[in-house]
């Protein structure tokens, strides 16, 4: 049974998907055009597009474990935040130069904590972006999967862990800026972070990473590994009877998903300009699940589309009707669950079948 279904597997979708990615790769460079040009993209829009693509990358990561392995995580905001903080440490050191970061001086600290050592090095920061979320995911996933925790119990535990981490990061003595988090970023590799060329580069890199992750996961899911994940989702017990050690398949998918989410967080930080423990809010992780469900689980392209659409709508409603946004989000999830179980991608597929008929 093919586990990659619907619109993402149709031959006619290749051109549409490729065209979308080409547009995403080109859009950032419109920002460097002269301001009087009709094609000029303002700083607001290039930053917004970049941030939404980061969130789409998180949705793609969540689809790997939920859409394919059937593991619903309500705590992927933790891995997103860990990646963001790992790269944010580099940005804070870059801005502070030879001195301590501003929030440490405000708290009268005299030296860096041991886990900040080396964070002024760009390459070490990139290692931390991958290593920290991956290690935390491995430790948690190993014990959770070995204990055979499944279903709603697993989802609740992931949410509880994310909330506990948020409380920890809110504390000033933790060494991550407390409630204010990280802000005041100035440069990356000595280049002005607010310059038009840097904004365009960051947005372009986000689009490129999103494309590479999509292609990589699409290839992986069409290999025997992906089919085993689909079998775990459909009947893990039967797969175990056949001799498969499902623990390692689930754990590898979980760690890979966490690493991708961490990379998304690292790309998000310099574009957002601020990063604090509110990124670990359990509501954010629930929203991520809504993006995947709305776009279409188990399709890879669906969650990207779902994250883009919902965050575009959120951008409007949180400004125009901020009090109503959570009600709208909840209503959207109910509508998707009842009437669009296969998400927006499933809707496209339904229209295509009706047209062909």
C-alpha atoms as a PDB file:
ATOM      1  CA  UNK A   1       0.000   0.000   0.000  1.00  0.00           C
ATOM      2  CA  UNK A   2       1.367   3.407  -0.938  1.00  0.00           C
ATOM      3  CA  UNK A   3       1.328   5.627   2.085  1.00  0.00           C
ATOM      4  CA  UNK A   4       1.940   8.892   0.241  1.00  0.00           C
ATOM      5  CA  UNK A   5      -1.478   9.676  -1.143  1.00  0.00           C
ATOM      6  CA  UNK A   6      -3.709  12.284  -2.652  1.00  0.00           C
ATOM      7  CA  UNK A   7      -2.529  15.391  -4.471  1.00  0.00           C
ATOM      8  CA  UNK A   8       1.156  14.958  -3.584  1.00  0.00           C
ATOM      9  CA  UNK A   9       1.387  11.701  -5.540  1.00  0.00           C
ATOM     10  CA  UNK A  10      -0.425  12.752  -8.720  1.00  0.00           C
ATOM     11  CA  UNK A  11       1.666  13.306 -11.839  1.00  0.00           C
ATOM     12  CA  UNK A  12       0.008  16.643 -12.561  1.00  0.00           C
ATOM     13  CA  UNK A  13       1.018  17.923  -9.137  1.00  0.00           C
ATOM     14  CA  UNK A  14       4.736  17.956  -9.941  1.00  0.00           C
ATOM     15  CA  UNK A  15       4.503  21.102 -12.063  1.00  0.00           C
ATOM     16  CA  UNK A  16       2.324  22.918  -9.516  1.00  0.00           C
ATOM     17  CA  UNK A  17       4.593  22.020  -6.593  1.00  0.00           C
ATOM     18  CA  UNK A  18       7.735  22.936  -8.528  1.00  0.00           C
ATOM     19  CA  UNK A  19       6.209  26.266  -9.548  1.00  0.00           C
ATOM     20  CA  UNK A  20       5.358  27.089  -5.927  1.00  0.00           C
ATOM     21  CA  UNK A  21       8.891  26.394  -4.768  1.00  0.00           C
ATOM     22  CA  UNK A  22      10.361  28.421  -7.625  1.00  0.00           C
ATOM     23  CA  UNK A  23       8.195  31.370  -6.599  1.00  0.00           C
ATOM     24  CA  UNK A  24       9.305  30.989  -2.967  1.00  0.00           C
ATOM     25  CA  UNK A  25      12.959  30.972  -4.060  1.00  0.00           C
ATOM     26  CA  UNK A  26      12.541  34.071  -6.233  1.00  0.00           C
ATOM     27  CA  UNK A  27      10.353  36.215  -3.964  1.00  0.00           C
ATOM     28  CA  UNK A  28      13.087  37.107  -1.417  1.00  0.00           C
ATOM     29  CA  UNK A  29      15.250  38.764  -4.051  1.00  0.00           C
ATOM     30  CA  UNK A  30      12.481  41.202  -4.939  1.00  0.00           C
ATOM     31  CA  UNK A  31      13.325  42.881  -1.645  1.00  0.00           C
ATOM     32  CA  UNK A  32      16.712  44.049  -2.942  1.00  0.00           C
ATOM     33  CA  UNK A  33      15.135  45.861  -5.891  1.00  0.00           C
ATOM     34  CA  UNK A  34      14.913  49.670  -5.665  1.00  0.00           C
ATOM     35  CA  UNK A  35      12.043  50.843  -3.454  1.00  0.00           C
ATOM     36  CA  UNK A  36      10.460  52.682  -6.384  1.00  0.00           C
ATOM     37  CA  UNK A  37      10.287  49.477  -8.445  1.00  0.00           C
ATOM     38  CA  UNK A  38       6.816  48.005  -8.960  1.00  0.00           C
ATOM     39  CA  UNK A  39       8.201  44.564  -8.076  1.00  0.00           C
ATOM     40  CA  UNK A  40       9.868  45.678  -4.843  1.00  0.00           C
ATOM     41  CA  UNK A  41       8.947  43.558  -1.818  1.00  0.00           C
ATOM     42  CA  UNK A  42       8.938  45.484   1.456  1.00  0.00           C
ATOM     43  CA  UNK A  43      10.842  44.423   4.570  1.00  0.00           C
ATOM     44  CA  UNK A  44       7.531  43.565   6.266  1.00  0.00           C
ATOM     45  CA  UNK A  45       6.514  41.116   3.568  1.00  0.00           C
ATOM     46  CA  UNK A  46       9.865  39.426   3.084  1.00  0.00           C
ATOM     47  CA  UNK A  47      10.130  38.915   6.845  1.00  0.00           C
ATOM     48  CA  UNK A  48       6.560  37.626   7.099  1.00  0.00           C
ATOM     49  CA  UNK A  49       7.053  35.203   4.206  1.00  0.00           C
ATOM     50  CA  UNK A  50      10.297  33.961   5.734  1.00  0.00           C
ATOM     51  CA  UNK A  51       8.690  33.347   9.121  1.00  0.00           C
ATOM     52  CA  UNK A  52       5.733  31.514   7.594  1.00  0.00           C
ATOM     53  CA  UNK A  53       8.107  29.270   5.638  1.00  0.00           C
ATOM     54  CA  UNK A  54       9.877  28.459   8.923  1.00  0.00           C
ATOM     55  CA  UNK A  55       6.545  27.422  10.412  1.00  0.00           C
ATOM     56  CA  UNK A  56       5.806  25.378   7.276  1.00  0.00           C
ATOM     57  CA  UNK A  57       9.076  23.543   7.907  1.00  0.00           C
ATOM     58  CA  UNK A  58       7.861  22.647  11.413  1.00  0.00           C
ATOM     59  CA  UNK A  59       4.596  21.374   9.931  1.00  0.00           C
ATOM     60  CA  UNK A  60       6.599  19.231   7.511  1.00  0.00           C
ATOM     61  CA  UNK A  61       8.564  17.801  10.452  1.00  0.00           C
ATOM     62  CA  UNK A  62       5.373  17.017  12.363  1.00  0.00           C
ATOM     63  CA  UNK A  63       3.856  15.322   9.324  1.00  0.00           C
ATOM     64  CA  UNK A  64       6.745  12.858   9.335  1.00  0.00           C
ATOM     65  CA  UNK A  65       5.813  11.476  12.753  1.00  0.00           C
ATOM     66  CA  UNK A  66       2.050  12.058  12.740  1.00  0.00           C
ATOM     67  CA  UNK A  67       1.114  11.624   9.100  1.00  0.00           C
ATOM     68  CA  UNK A  68       3.361   8.645   8.430  1.00  0.00           C
ATOM     69  CA  UNK A  69       4.153   6.957  11.747  1.00  0.00           C
ATOM     70  CA  UNK A  70       0.847   7.835  13.437  1.00  0.00           C
ATOM     71  CA  UNK A  71       2.573   9.527  16.407  1.00  0.00           C
ATOM     72  CA  UNK A  72       0.733  12.703  17.377  1.00  0.00           C
ATOM     73  CA  UNK A  73       3.060  15.155  19.062  1.00  0.00           C
ATOM     74  CA  UNK A  74       1.683  18.158  20.912  1.00  0.00           C
ATOM     75  CA  UNK A  75       5.146  19.267  21.905  1.00  0.00           C
ATOM     76  CA  UNK A  76       7.038  20.042  18.725  1.00  0.00           C
ATOM     77  CA  UNK A  77       7.165  23.652  19.827  1.00  0.00           C
ATOM     78  CA  UNK A  78       9.877  22.511  22.250  1.00  0.00           C
ATOM     79  CA  UNK A  79      12.223  21.356  19.485  1.00  0.00           C
ATOM     80  CA  UNK A  80      11.457  24.470  17.455  1.00  0.00           C
ATOM     81  CA  UNK A  81      12.360  26.603  20.480  1.00  0.00           C
ATOM     82  CA  UNK A  82      15.519  24.633  21.293  1.00  0.00           C
ATOM     83  CA  UNK A  83      16.827  25.207  17.780  1.00  0.00           C
ATOM     84  CA  UNK A  84      15.905  28.874  18.050  1.00  0.00           C
ATOM     85  CA  UNK A  85      17.654  29.313  21.376  1.00  0.00           C
ATOM     86  CA  UNK A  86      20.748  27.451  20.141  1.00  0.00           C
ATOM     87  CA  UNK A  87      21.194  29.875  17.250  1.00  0.00           C
ATOM     88  CA  UNK A  88      19.972  32.807  19.324  1.00  0.00           C
ATOM     89  CA  UNK A  89      22.915  32.276  21.675  1.00  0.00           C
ATOM     90  CA  UNK A  90      25.267  32.873  18.753  1.00  0.00           C
ATOM     91  CA  UNK A  91      23.372  36.006  17.717  1.00  0.00           C
ATOM     92  CA  UNK A  92      23.519  37.379  21.264  1.00  0.00           C
ATOM     93  CA  UNK A  93      27.263  36.728  21.488  1.00  0.00           C
ATOM     94  CA  UNK A  94      27.753  38.301  18.064  1.00  0.00           C
ATOM     95  CA  UNK A  95      25.898  41.429  19.185  1.00  0.00           C
ATOM     96  CA  UNK A  96      27.717  41.658  22.525  1.00  0.00           C
ATOM     97  CA  UNK A  97      31.201  41.262  21.071  1.00  0.00           C
ATOM     98  CA  UNK A  98      33.753  40.608  23.800  1.00  0.00           C
ATOM     99  CA  UNK A  99      31.276  41.511  26.574  1.00  0.00           C
ATOM    100  CA  UNK A 100      28.478  39.533  28.163  1.00  0.00           C
ATOM    101  CA  UNK A 101      25.029  39.659  26.524  1.00  0.00           C
ATOM    102  CA  UNK A 102      22.901  42.589  27.693  1.00  0.00           C
ATOM    103  CA  UNK A 103      20.520  40.561  29.866  1.00  0.00           C
ATOM    104  CA  UNK A 104      23.433  38.982  31.745  1.00  0.00           C
ATOM    105  CA  UNK A 105      24.931  42.379  32.528  1.00  0.00           C
ATOM    106  CA  UNK A 106      21.502  43.563  33.676  1.00  0.00           C
ATOM    107  CA  UNK A 107      21.363  40.610  36.083  1.00  0.00           C
ATOM    108  CA  UNK A 108      24.893  41.439  37.311  1.00  0.00           C
ATOM    109  CA  UNK A 109      26.392  38.211  36.013  1.00  0.00           C
ATOM    110  CA  UNK A 110      30.177  38.241  35.807  1.00  0.00           C
ATOM    111  CA  UNK A 111      30.816  35.253  33.553  1.00  0.00           C
ATOM    112  CA  UNK A 112      29.134  33.079  30.982  1.00  0.00           C
ATOM    113  CA  UNK A 113      27.459  29.821  32.062  1.00  0.00           C
ATOM    114  CA  UNK A 114      29.335  26.714  30.914  1.00  0.00           C
ATOM    115  CA  UNK A 115      26.733  25.890  28.247  1.00  0.00           C
ATOM    116  CA  UNK A 116      27.362  29.262  26.575  1.00  0.00           C
ATOM    117  CA  UNK A 117      31.031  28.459  25.980  1.00  0.00           C
ATOM    118  CA  UNK A 118      31.878  28.396  22.293  1.00  0.00           C
ATOM    119  CA  UNK A 119      28.577  29.881  21.176  1.00  0.00           C
ATOM    120  CA  UNK A 120      30.354  32.832  19.587  1.00  0.00           C
ATOM    121  CA  UNK A 121      31.483  30.357  16.909  1.00  0.00           C
ATOM    122  CA  UNK A 122      29.044  30.160  13.987  1.00  0.00           C
ATOM    123  CA  UNK A 123      29.821  26.545  13.131  1.00  0.00           C
ATOM    124  CA  UNK A 124      29.436  25.423  16.754  1.00  0.00           C
ATOM    125  CA  UNK A 125      26.076  27.196  16.848  1.00  0.00           C
ATOM    126  CA  UNK A 126      24.977  25.205  13.791  1.00  0.00           C
ATOM    127  CA  UNK A 127      26.064  22.000  15.521  1.00  0.00           C
ATOM    128  CA  UNK A 128      23.997  22.934  18.583  1.00  0.00           C
ATOM    129  CA  UNK A 129      20.958  23.638  16.399  1.00  0.00           C
ATOM    130  CA  UNK A 130      21.033  20.006  15.285  1.00  0.00           C
ATOM    131  CA  UNK A 131      22.516  18.356  18.363  1.00  0.00           C
ATOM    132  CA  UNK A 132      20.359  19.796  21.161  1.00  0.00           C
ATOM    133  CA  UNK A 133      16.875  19.034  19.711  1.00  0.00           C
ATOM    134  CA  UNK A 134      18.118  15.685  18.392  1.00  0.00           C
ATOM    135  CA  UNK A 135      19.588  14.626  21.739  1.00  0.00           C
ATOM    136  CA  UNK A 136      16.539  15.680  23.761  1.00  0.00           C
ATOM    137  CA  UNK A 137      14.271  13.903  21.248  1.00  0.00           C
ATOM    138  CA  UNK A 138      16.395  10.746  21.400  1.00  0.00           C
ATOM    139  CA  UNK A 139      16.358  10.551  25.195  1.00  0.00           C
ATOM    140  CA  UNK A 140      12.644  11.270  25.490  1.00  0.00           C
ATOM    141  CA  UNK A 141      11.672   9.099  22.529  1.00  0.00           C
ATOM    142  CA  UNK A 142      13.747   6.120  23.632  1.00  0.00           C
ATOM    143  CA  UNK A 143      12.119   5.853  27.039  1.00  0.00           C
ATOM    144  CA  UNK A 144       8.639   6.710  25.763  1.00  0.00           C
ATOM    145  CA  UNK A 145       8.670   4.226  22.877  1.00  0.00           C
ATOM    146  CA  UNK A 146      10.402   1.529  24.910  1.00  0.00           C
ATOM    147  CA  UNK A 147       7.635   1.889  27.502  1.00  0.00           C
ATOM    148  CA  UNK A 148       5.121   1.533  24.642  1.00  0.00           C
ATOM    149  CA  UNK A 149       3.357   4.776  25.458  1.00  0.00           C
ATOM    150  CA  UNK A 150       0.929   5.487  22.625  1.00  0.00           C
ATOM    151  CA  UNK A 151      -2.030   7.528  21.561  1.00  0.00           C
ATOM    152  CA  UNK A 152      -3.443  10.309  23.671  1.00  0.00           C
ATOM    153  CA  UNK A 153      -1.141   9.449  26.588  1.00  0.00           C
ATOM    154  CA  UNK A 154       1.922  10.101  24.459  1.00  0.00           C
ATOM    155  CA  UNK A 155       0.441  13.363  23.179  1.00  0.00           C
ATOM    156  CA  UNK A 156      -0.282  14.578  26.711  1.00  0.00           C
ATOM    157  CA  UNK A 157       3.243  13.749  27.860  1.00  0.00           C
ATOM    158  CA  UNK A 158       4.792  15.699  24.973  1.00  0.00           C
ATOM    159  CA  UNK A 159       2.617  18.682  25.825  1.00  0.00           C
ATOM    160  CA  UNK A 160       3.494  18.459  29.513  1.00  0.00           C
ATOM    161  CA  UNK A 161       7.211  18.297  28.698  1.00  0.00           C
ATOM    162  CA  UNK A 162       6.944  21.394  26.524  1.00  0.00           C
ATOM    163  CA  UNK A 163       5.108  23.295  29.257  1.00  0.00           C
ATOM    164  CA  UNK A 164       7.707  22.262  31.836  1.00  0.00           C
ATOM    165  CA  UNK A 165      10.495  23.470  29.547  1.00  0.00           C
ATOM    166  CA  UNK A 166       8.723  26.806  29.072  1.00  0.00           C
ATOM    167  CA  UNK A 167       8.532  27.292  32.847  1.00  0.00           C
ATOM    168  CA  UNK A 168      12.234  26.492  33.116  1.00  0.00           C
ATOM    169  CA  UNK A 169      13.219  28.977  30.404  1.00  0.00           C
ATOM    170  CA  UNK A 170      11.083  31.704  31.981  1.00  0.00           C
ATOM    171  CA  UNK A 171      13.422  31.707  34.999  1.00  0.00           C
ATOM    172  CA  UNK A 172      16.207  34.303  34.855  1.00  0.00           C
ATOM    173  CA  UNK A 173      18.703  32.007  36.546  1.00  0.00           C
ATOM    174  CA  UNK A 174      18.394  29.507  33.688  1.00  0.00           C
ATOM    175  CA  UNK A 175      20.571  31.822  31.611  1.00  0.00           C
ATOM    176  CA  UNK A 176      18.368  32.362  28.559  1.00  0.00           C
ATOM    177  CA  UNK A 177      17.009  35.854  29.139  1.00  0.00           C
ATOM    178  CA  UNK A 178      14.000  34.837  31.215  1.00  0.00           C
ATOM    179  CA  UNK A 179      10.659  36.276  30.169  1.00  0.00           C
ATOM    180  CA  UNK A 180      12.237  38.654  27.634  1.00  0.00           C
ATOM    181  CA  UNK A 181      14.300  35.976  25.941  1.00  0.00           C
ATOM    182  CA  UNK A 182      16.754  36.990  23.230  1.00  0.00           C
ATOM    183  CA  UNK A 183      16.501  40.229  21.277  1.00  0.00           C
ATOM    184  CA  UNK A 184      18.645  43.077  19.983  1.00  0.00           C
ATOM    185  CA  UNK A 185      20.327  41.030  17.253  1.00  0.00           C
ATOM    186  CA  UNK A 186      22.685  43.102  15.121  1.00  0.00           C
ATOM    187  CA  UNK A 187      24.869  40.970  12.882  1.00  0.00           C
ATOM    188  CA  UNK A 188      25.405  37.499  11.415  1.00  0.00           C
ATOM    189  CA  UNK A 189      29.016  36.718  10.491  1.00  0.00           C
ATOM    190  CA  UNK A 190      29.706  40.430  10.817  1.00  0.00           C
ATOM    191  CA  UNK A 191      26.967  41.440   8.349  1.00  0.00           C
ATOM    192  CA  UNK A 192      24.088  43.726   9.315  1.00  0.00           C
ATOM    193  CA  UNK A 193      21.089  41.544  10.083  1.00  0.00           C
ATOM    194  CA  UNK A 194      18.637  44.291   9.093  1.00  0.00           C
ATOM    195  CA  UNK A 195      20.145  44.997   5.679  1.00  0.00           C
ATOM    196  CA  UNK A 196      18.061  44.246   2.600  1.00  0.00           C
ATOM    197  CA  UNK A 197      20.581  41.709   1.304  1.00  0.00           C
ATOM    198  CA  UNK A 198      20.636  39.801   4.610  1.00  0.00           C
ATOM    199  CA  UNK A 199      16.846  39.770   4.894  1.00  0.00           C
ATOM    200  CA  UNK A 200      16.612  38.419   1.339  1.00  0.00           C
ATOM    201  CA  UNK A 201      19.332  35.843   2.015  1.00  0.00           C
ATOM    202  CA  UNK A 202      17.661  34.550   5.180  1.00  0.00           C
ATOM    203  CA  UNK A 203      14.308  34.249   3.427  1.00  0.00           C
ATOM    204  CA  UNK A 204      15.936  32.498   0.465  1.00  0.00           C
ATOM    205  CA  UNK A 205      17.802  30.064   2.741  1.00  0.00           C
ATOM    206  CA  UNK A 206      14.528  29.248   4.486  1.00  0.00           C
ATOM    207  CA  UNK A 207      12.864  28.474   1.153  1.00  0.00           C
ATOM    208  CA  UNK A 208      15.866  26.393   0.076  1.00  0.00           C
ATOM    209  CA  UNK A 209      15.917  24.370   3.312  1.00  0.00           C
ATOM    210  CA  UNK A 210      12.162  23.830   3.036  1.00  0.00           C
ATOM    211  CA  UNK A 211      12.601  22.541  -0.522  1.00  0.00           C
ATOM    212  CA  UNK A 212      15.491  20.237   0.402  1.00  0.00           C
ATOM    213  CA  UNK A 213      13.634  18.819   3.414  1.00  0.00           C
ATOM    214  CA  UNK A 214      10.528  18.242   1.311  1.00  0.00           C
ATOM    215  CA  UNK A 215      12.481  16.434  -1.410  1.00  0.00           C
ATOM    216  CA  UNK A 216      14.493  14.447   1.124  1.00  0.00           C
ATOM    217  CA  UNK A 217      11.453  13.297   3.086  1.00  0.00           C
ATOM    218  CA  UNK A 218       9.532  12.541  -0.090  1.00  0.00           C
ATOM    219  CA  UNK A 219      12.363  10.311  -1.261  1.00  0.00           C
ATOM    220  CA  UNK A 220      12.659   8.669   2.161  1.00  0.00           C
ATOM    221  CA  UNK A 221       8.945   7.985   2.458  1.00  0.00           C
ATOM    222  CA  UNK A 222       8.930   6.187  -0.901  1.00  0.00           C
ATOM    223  CA  UNK A 223      11.659   3.831   0.319  1.00  0.00           C
ATOM    224  CA  UNK A 224      11.075   0.671   2.419  1.00  0.00           C
ATOM    225  CA  UNK A 225      11.716   2.789   5.527  1.00  0.00           C
ATOM    226  CA  UNK A 226       8.698   4.945   4.742  1.00  0.00           C
ATOM    227  CA  UNK A 227       6.523   1.917   4.124  1.00  0.00           C
ATOM    228  CA  UNK A 228       7.518   0.477   7.484  1.00  0.00           C
ATOM    229  CA  UNK A 229       6.484   3.746   9.157  1.00  0.00           C
ATOM    230  CA  UNK A 230       3.124   3.486   7.402  1.00  0.00           C
ATOM    231  CA  UNK A 231       2.750  -0.077   8.641  1.00  0.00           C
ATOM    232  CA  UNK A 232       3.544   1.066  12.188  1.00  0.00           C
ATOM    233  CA  UNK A 233       0.795   3.653  11.884  1.00  0.00           C
ATOM    234  CA  UNK A 234      -1.742   1.117  10.605  1.00  0.00           C
ATOM    235  CA  UNK A 235      -0.899  -1.905  12.779  1.00  0.00           C
ATOM    236  CA  UNK A 236       2.240  -1.842  14.890  1.00  0.00           C
ATOM    237  CA  UNK A 237       1.431  -5.123  16.658  1.00  0.00           C
ATOM    238  CA  UNK A 238       1.154  -7.004  13.384  1.00  0.00           C
ATOM    239  CA  UNK A 239       4.488  -5.571  12.263  1.00  0.00           C
ATOM    240  CA  UNK A 240       6.119  -6.705  15.490  1.00  0.00           C
ATOM    241  CA  UNK A 241       4.762 -10.217  14.944  1.00  0.00           C
ATOM    242  CA  UNK A 242       6.596 -10.196  11.608  1.00  0.00           C
ATOM    243  CA  UNK A 243       9.871  -9.547  13.417  1.00  0.00           C
ATOM    244  CA  UNK A 244      10.331  -5.799  12.991  1.00  0.00           C
ATOM    245  CA  UNK A 245      11.837  -3.851  15.899  1.00  0.00           C
ATOM    246  CA  UNK A 246       9.503  -0.901  15.611  1.00  0.00           C
ATOM    247  CA  UNK A 247      11.196   1.017  18.445  1.00  0.00           C
ATOM    248  CA  UNK A 248      14.119   2.065  16.256  1.00  0.00           C
ATOM    249  CA  UNK A 249      11.963   3.033  13.299  1.00  0.00           C
ATOM    250  CA  UNK A 250       9.799   5.248  15.482  1.00  0.00           C
ATOM    251  CA  UNK A 251      12.768   6.672  17.342  1.00  0.00           C
ATOM    252  CA  UNK A 252      14.691   7.537  14.164  1.00  0.00           C
ATOM    253  CA  UNK A 253      11.643   9.284  12.689  1.00  0.00           C
ATOM    254  CA  UNK A 254      11.082  11.147  15.964  1.00  0.00           C
ATOM    255  CA  UNK A 255      14.694  12.372  16.144  1.00  0.00           C
ATOM    256  CA  UNK A 256      14.742  13.382  12.468  1.00  0.00           C
ATOM    257  CA  UNK A 257      11.495  15.289  12.945  1.00  0.00           C
ATOM    258  CA  UNK A 258      12.909  17.084  16.010  1.00  0.00           C
ATOM    259  CA  UNK A 259      16.075  18.067  14.138  1.00  0.00           C
ATOM    260  CA  UNK A 260      14.054  19.542  11.259  1.00  0.00           C
ATOM    261  CA  UNK A 261      11.928  21.484  13.758  1.00  0.00           C
ATOM    262  CA  UNK A 262      15.113  22.753  15.421  1.00  0.00           C
ATOM    263  CA  UNK A 263      16.491  23.955  12.077  1.00  0.00           C
ATOM    264  CA  UNK A 264      13.206  25.778  11.497  1.00  0.00           C
ATOM    265  CA  UNK A 265      13.605  27.514  14.855  1.00  0.00           C
ATOM    266  CA  UNK A 266      17.159  28.563  14.007  1.00  0.00           C
ATOM    267  CA  UNK A 267      16.009  30.106  10.732  1.00  0.00           C
ATOM    268  CA  UNK A 268      13.097  31.822  12.484  1.00  0.00           C
ATOM    269  CA  UNK A 269      15.142  33.680  15.125  1.00  0.00           C
ATOM    270  CA  UNK A 270      17.084  36.157  12.952  1.00  0.00           C
ATOM    271  CA  UNK A 271      14.007  36.914  10.876  1.00  0.00           C
ATOM    272  CA  UNK A 272      11.693  37.480  13.837  1.00  0.00           C
ATOM    273  CA  UNK A 273      14.273  39.578  15.714  1.00  0.00           C
ATOM    274  CA  UNK A 274      13.148  38.258  19.104  1.00  0.00           C
ATOM    275  CA  UNK A 275      12.810  34.844  20.708  1.00  0.00           C
ATOM    276  CA  UNK A 276      11.419  34.038  24.146  1.00  0.00           C
ATOM    277  CA  UNK A 277       9.840  31.131  26.084  1.00  0.00           C
ATOM    278  CA  UNK A 278       6.378  31.935  24.698  1.00  0.00           C
ATOM    279  CA  UNK A 279       7.469  29.938  21.633  1.00  0.00           C
ATOM    280  CA  UNK A 280       7.108  26.868  23.880  1.00  0.00           C
ATOM    281  CA  UNK A 281       3.521  27.726  24.728  1.00  0.00           C
ATOM    282  CA  UNK A 282       1.494  24.492  24.396  1.00  0.00           C
ATOM    283  CA  UNK A 283      -1.018  26.412  22.260  1.00  0.00           C
ATOM    284  CA  UNK A 284       1.689  26.854  19.616  1.00  0.00           C
ATOM    285  CA  UNK A 285       2.269  23.109  19.453  1.00  0.00           C
ATOM    286  CA  UNK A 286      -1.455  22.502  19.120  1.00  0.00           C
ATOM    287  CA  UNK A 287      -1.560  25.005  16.263  1.00  0.00           C
ATOM    288  CA  UNK A 288       1.145  22.997  14.515  1.00  0.00           C
ATOM    289  CA  UNK A 289      -1.105  19.932  14.608  1.00  0.00           C
ATOM    290  CA  UNK A 290      -3.928  22.030  13.164  1.00  0.00           C
ATOM    291  CA  UNK A 291      -1.687  23.106  10.250  1.00  0.00           C
ATOM    292  CA  UNK A 292      -0.934  19.482   9.415  1.00  0.00           C
ATOM    293  CA  UNK A 293      -4.552  18.360   9.735  1.00  0.00           C
ATOM    294  CA  UNK A 294      -5.850  21.286   7.697  1.00  0.00           C
ATOM    295  CA  UNK A 295      -3.348  20.736   4.913  1.00  0.00           C
ATOM    296  CA  UNK A 296      -3.599  16.968   4.779  1.00  0.00           C
ATOM    297  CA  UNK A 297      -1.696  14.419   6.854  1.00  0.00           C
ATOM    298  CA  UNK A 298       0.698  12.019   5.191  1.00  0.00           C
ATOM    299  CA  UNK A 299       1.193  14.107   2.053  1.00  0.00           C
ATOM    300  CA  UNK A 300       4.199  16.304   2.972  1.00  0.00           C
ATOM    301  CA  UNK A 301       3.032  19.091   0.671  1.00  0.00           C
ATOM    302  CA  UNK A 302      -0.283  19.360   2.540  1.00  0.00           C
ATOM    303  CA  UNK A 303       1.199  20.530   5.858  1.00  0.00           C
ATOM    304  CA  UNK A 304       3.270  23.145   4.018  1.00  0.00           C
ATOM    305  CA  UNK A 305       0.102  24.443   2.385  1.00  0.00           C
ATOM    306  CA  UNK A 306      -1.845  24.246   5.649  1.00  0.00           C
ATOM    307  CA  UNK A 307       0.801  26.173   7.582  1.00  0.00           C
ATOM    308  CA  UNK A 308       0.923  28.850   4.895  1.00  0.00           C
ATOM    309  CA  UNK A 309      -2.830  29.312   4.670  1.00  0.00           C
ATOM    310  CA  UNK A 310      -3.559  29.282   8.399  1.00  0.00           C
ATOM    311  CA  UNK A 311      -0.699  31.618   9.302  1.00  0.00           C
ATOM    312  CA  UNK A 312      -1.713  34.015   6.534  1.00  0.00           C
ATOM    313  CA  UNK A 313      -5.233  34.060   7.982  1.00  0.00           C
ATOM    314  CA  UNK A 314      -3.813  34.400  11.496  1.00  0.00           C
ATOM    315  CA  UNK A 315      -1.735  37.411  10.455  1.00  0.00           C
ATOM    316  CA  UNK A 316      -4.912  39.200   9.389  1.00  0.00           C
ATOM    317  CA  UNK A 317      -7.247  38.191  12.204  1.00  0.00           C
ATOM    318  CA  UNK A 318      -4.789  38.738  15.069  1.00  0.00           C
ATOM    319  CA  UNK A 319      -4.613  42.367  13.945  1.00  0.00           C
ATOM    320  CA  UNK A 320      -8.211  42.963  12.859  1.00  0.00           C
ATOM    321  CA  UNK A 321     -10.016  40.733  15.395  1.00  0.00           C
ATOM    322  CA  UNK A 322      -7.474  39.551  18.004  1.00  0.00           C
ATOM    323  CA  UNK A 323     -10.114  38.373  20.475  1.00  0.00           C
ATOM    324  CA  UNK A 324     -11.720  36.093  17.910  1.00  0.00           C
ATOM    325  CA  UNK A 325      -8.648  34.324  16.568  1.00  0.00           C
ATOM    326  CA  UNK A 326      -8.636  31.333  18.949  1.00  0.00           C
ATOM    327  CA  UNK A 327     -12.350  30.797  18.309  1.00  0.00           C
ATOM    328  CA  UNK A 328     -11.705  30.870  14.577  1.00  0.00           C
ATOM    329  CA  UNK A 329      -8.814  28.424  14.945  1.00  0.00           C
ATOM    330  CA  UNK A 330     -10.923  26.037  17.015  1.00  0.00           C
ATOM    331  CA  UNK A 331     -13.799  26.279  14.557  1.00  0.00           C
ATOM    332  CA  UNK A 332     -11.438  25.616  11.681  1.00  0.00           C
ATOM    333  CA  UNK A 333     -10.143  22.467  13.347  1.00  0.00           C
ATOM    334  CA  UNK A 334     -13.705  21.214  13.911  1.00  0.00           C
ATOM    335  CA  UNK A 335     -14.625  21.871  10.277  1.00  0.00           C
ATOM    336  CA  UNK A 336     -11.527  20.082   9.024  1.00  0.00           C
ATOM    337  CA  UNK A 337     -12.126  17.101  11.317  1.00  0.00           C
ATOM    338  CA  UNK A 338     -15.780  16.706  10.346  1.00  0.00           C
ATOM    339  CA  UNK A 339     -15.834  17.688   6.672  1.00  0.00           C
ATOM    340  CA  UNK A 340     -12.237  17.589   5.436  1.00  0.00           C
ATOM    341  CA  UNK A 341     -10.605  14.562   7.074  1.00  0.00           C
ATOM    342  CA  UNK A 342      -7.970  14.544   4.313  1.00  0.00           C
ATOM    343  CA  UNK A 343      -7.377  18.290   4.524  1.00  0.00           C
ATOM    344  CA  UNK A 344      -7.198  20.866   1.765  1.00  0.00           C
ATOM    345  CA  UNK A 345      -5.144  18.508  -0.376  1.00  0.00           C
ATOM    346  CA  UNK A 346      -7.951  15.967  -0.138  1.00  0.00           C
ATOM    347  CA  UNK A 347     -10.343  18.650  -1.352  1.00  0.00           C
ATOM    348  CA  UNK A 348      -8.216  19.193  -4.460  1.00  0.00           C
ATOM    349  CA  UNK A 349      -8.186  15.454  -5.049  1.00  0.00           C
ATOM    350  CA  UNK A 350     -11.970  15.258  -4.699  1.00  0.00           C
ATOM    351  CA  UNK A 351     -12.472  18.019  -7.265  1.00  0.00           C
ATOM    352  CA  UNK A 352     -10.101  16.253  -9.656  1.00  0.00           C
ATOM    353  CA  UNK A 353     -11.997  12.969  -9.352  1.00  0.00           C
ATOM    354  CA  UNK A 354     -15.329  14.723  -9.950  1.00  0.00           C
ATOM    355  CA  UNK A 355     -13.878  16.491 -12.983  1.00  0.00           C
ATOM    356  CA  UNK A 356     -12.496  13.245 -14.404  1.00  0.00           C
ATOM    357  CA  UNK A 357     -15.841  11.531 -13.841  1.00  0.00           C
END
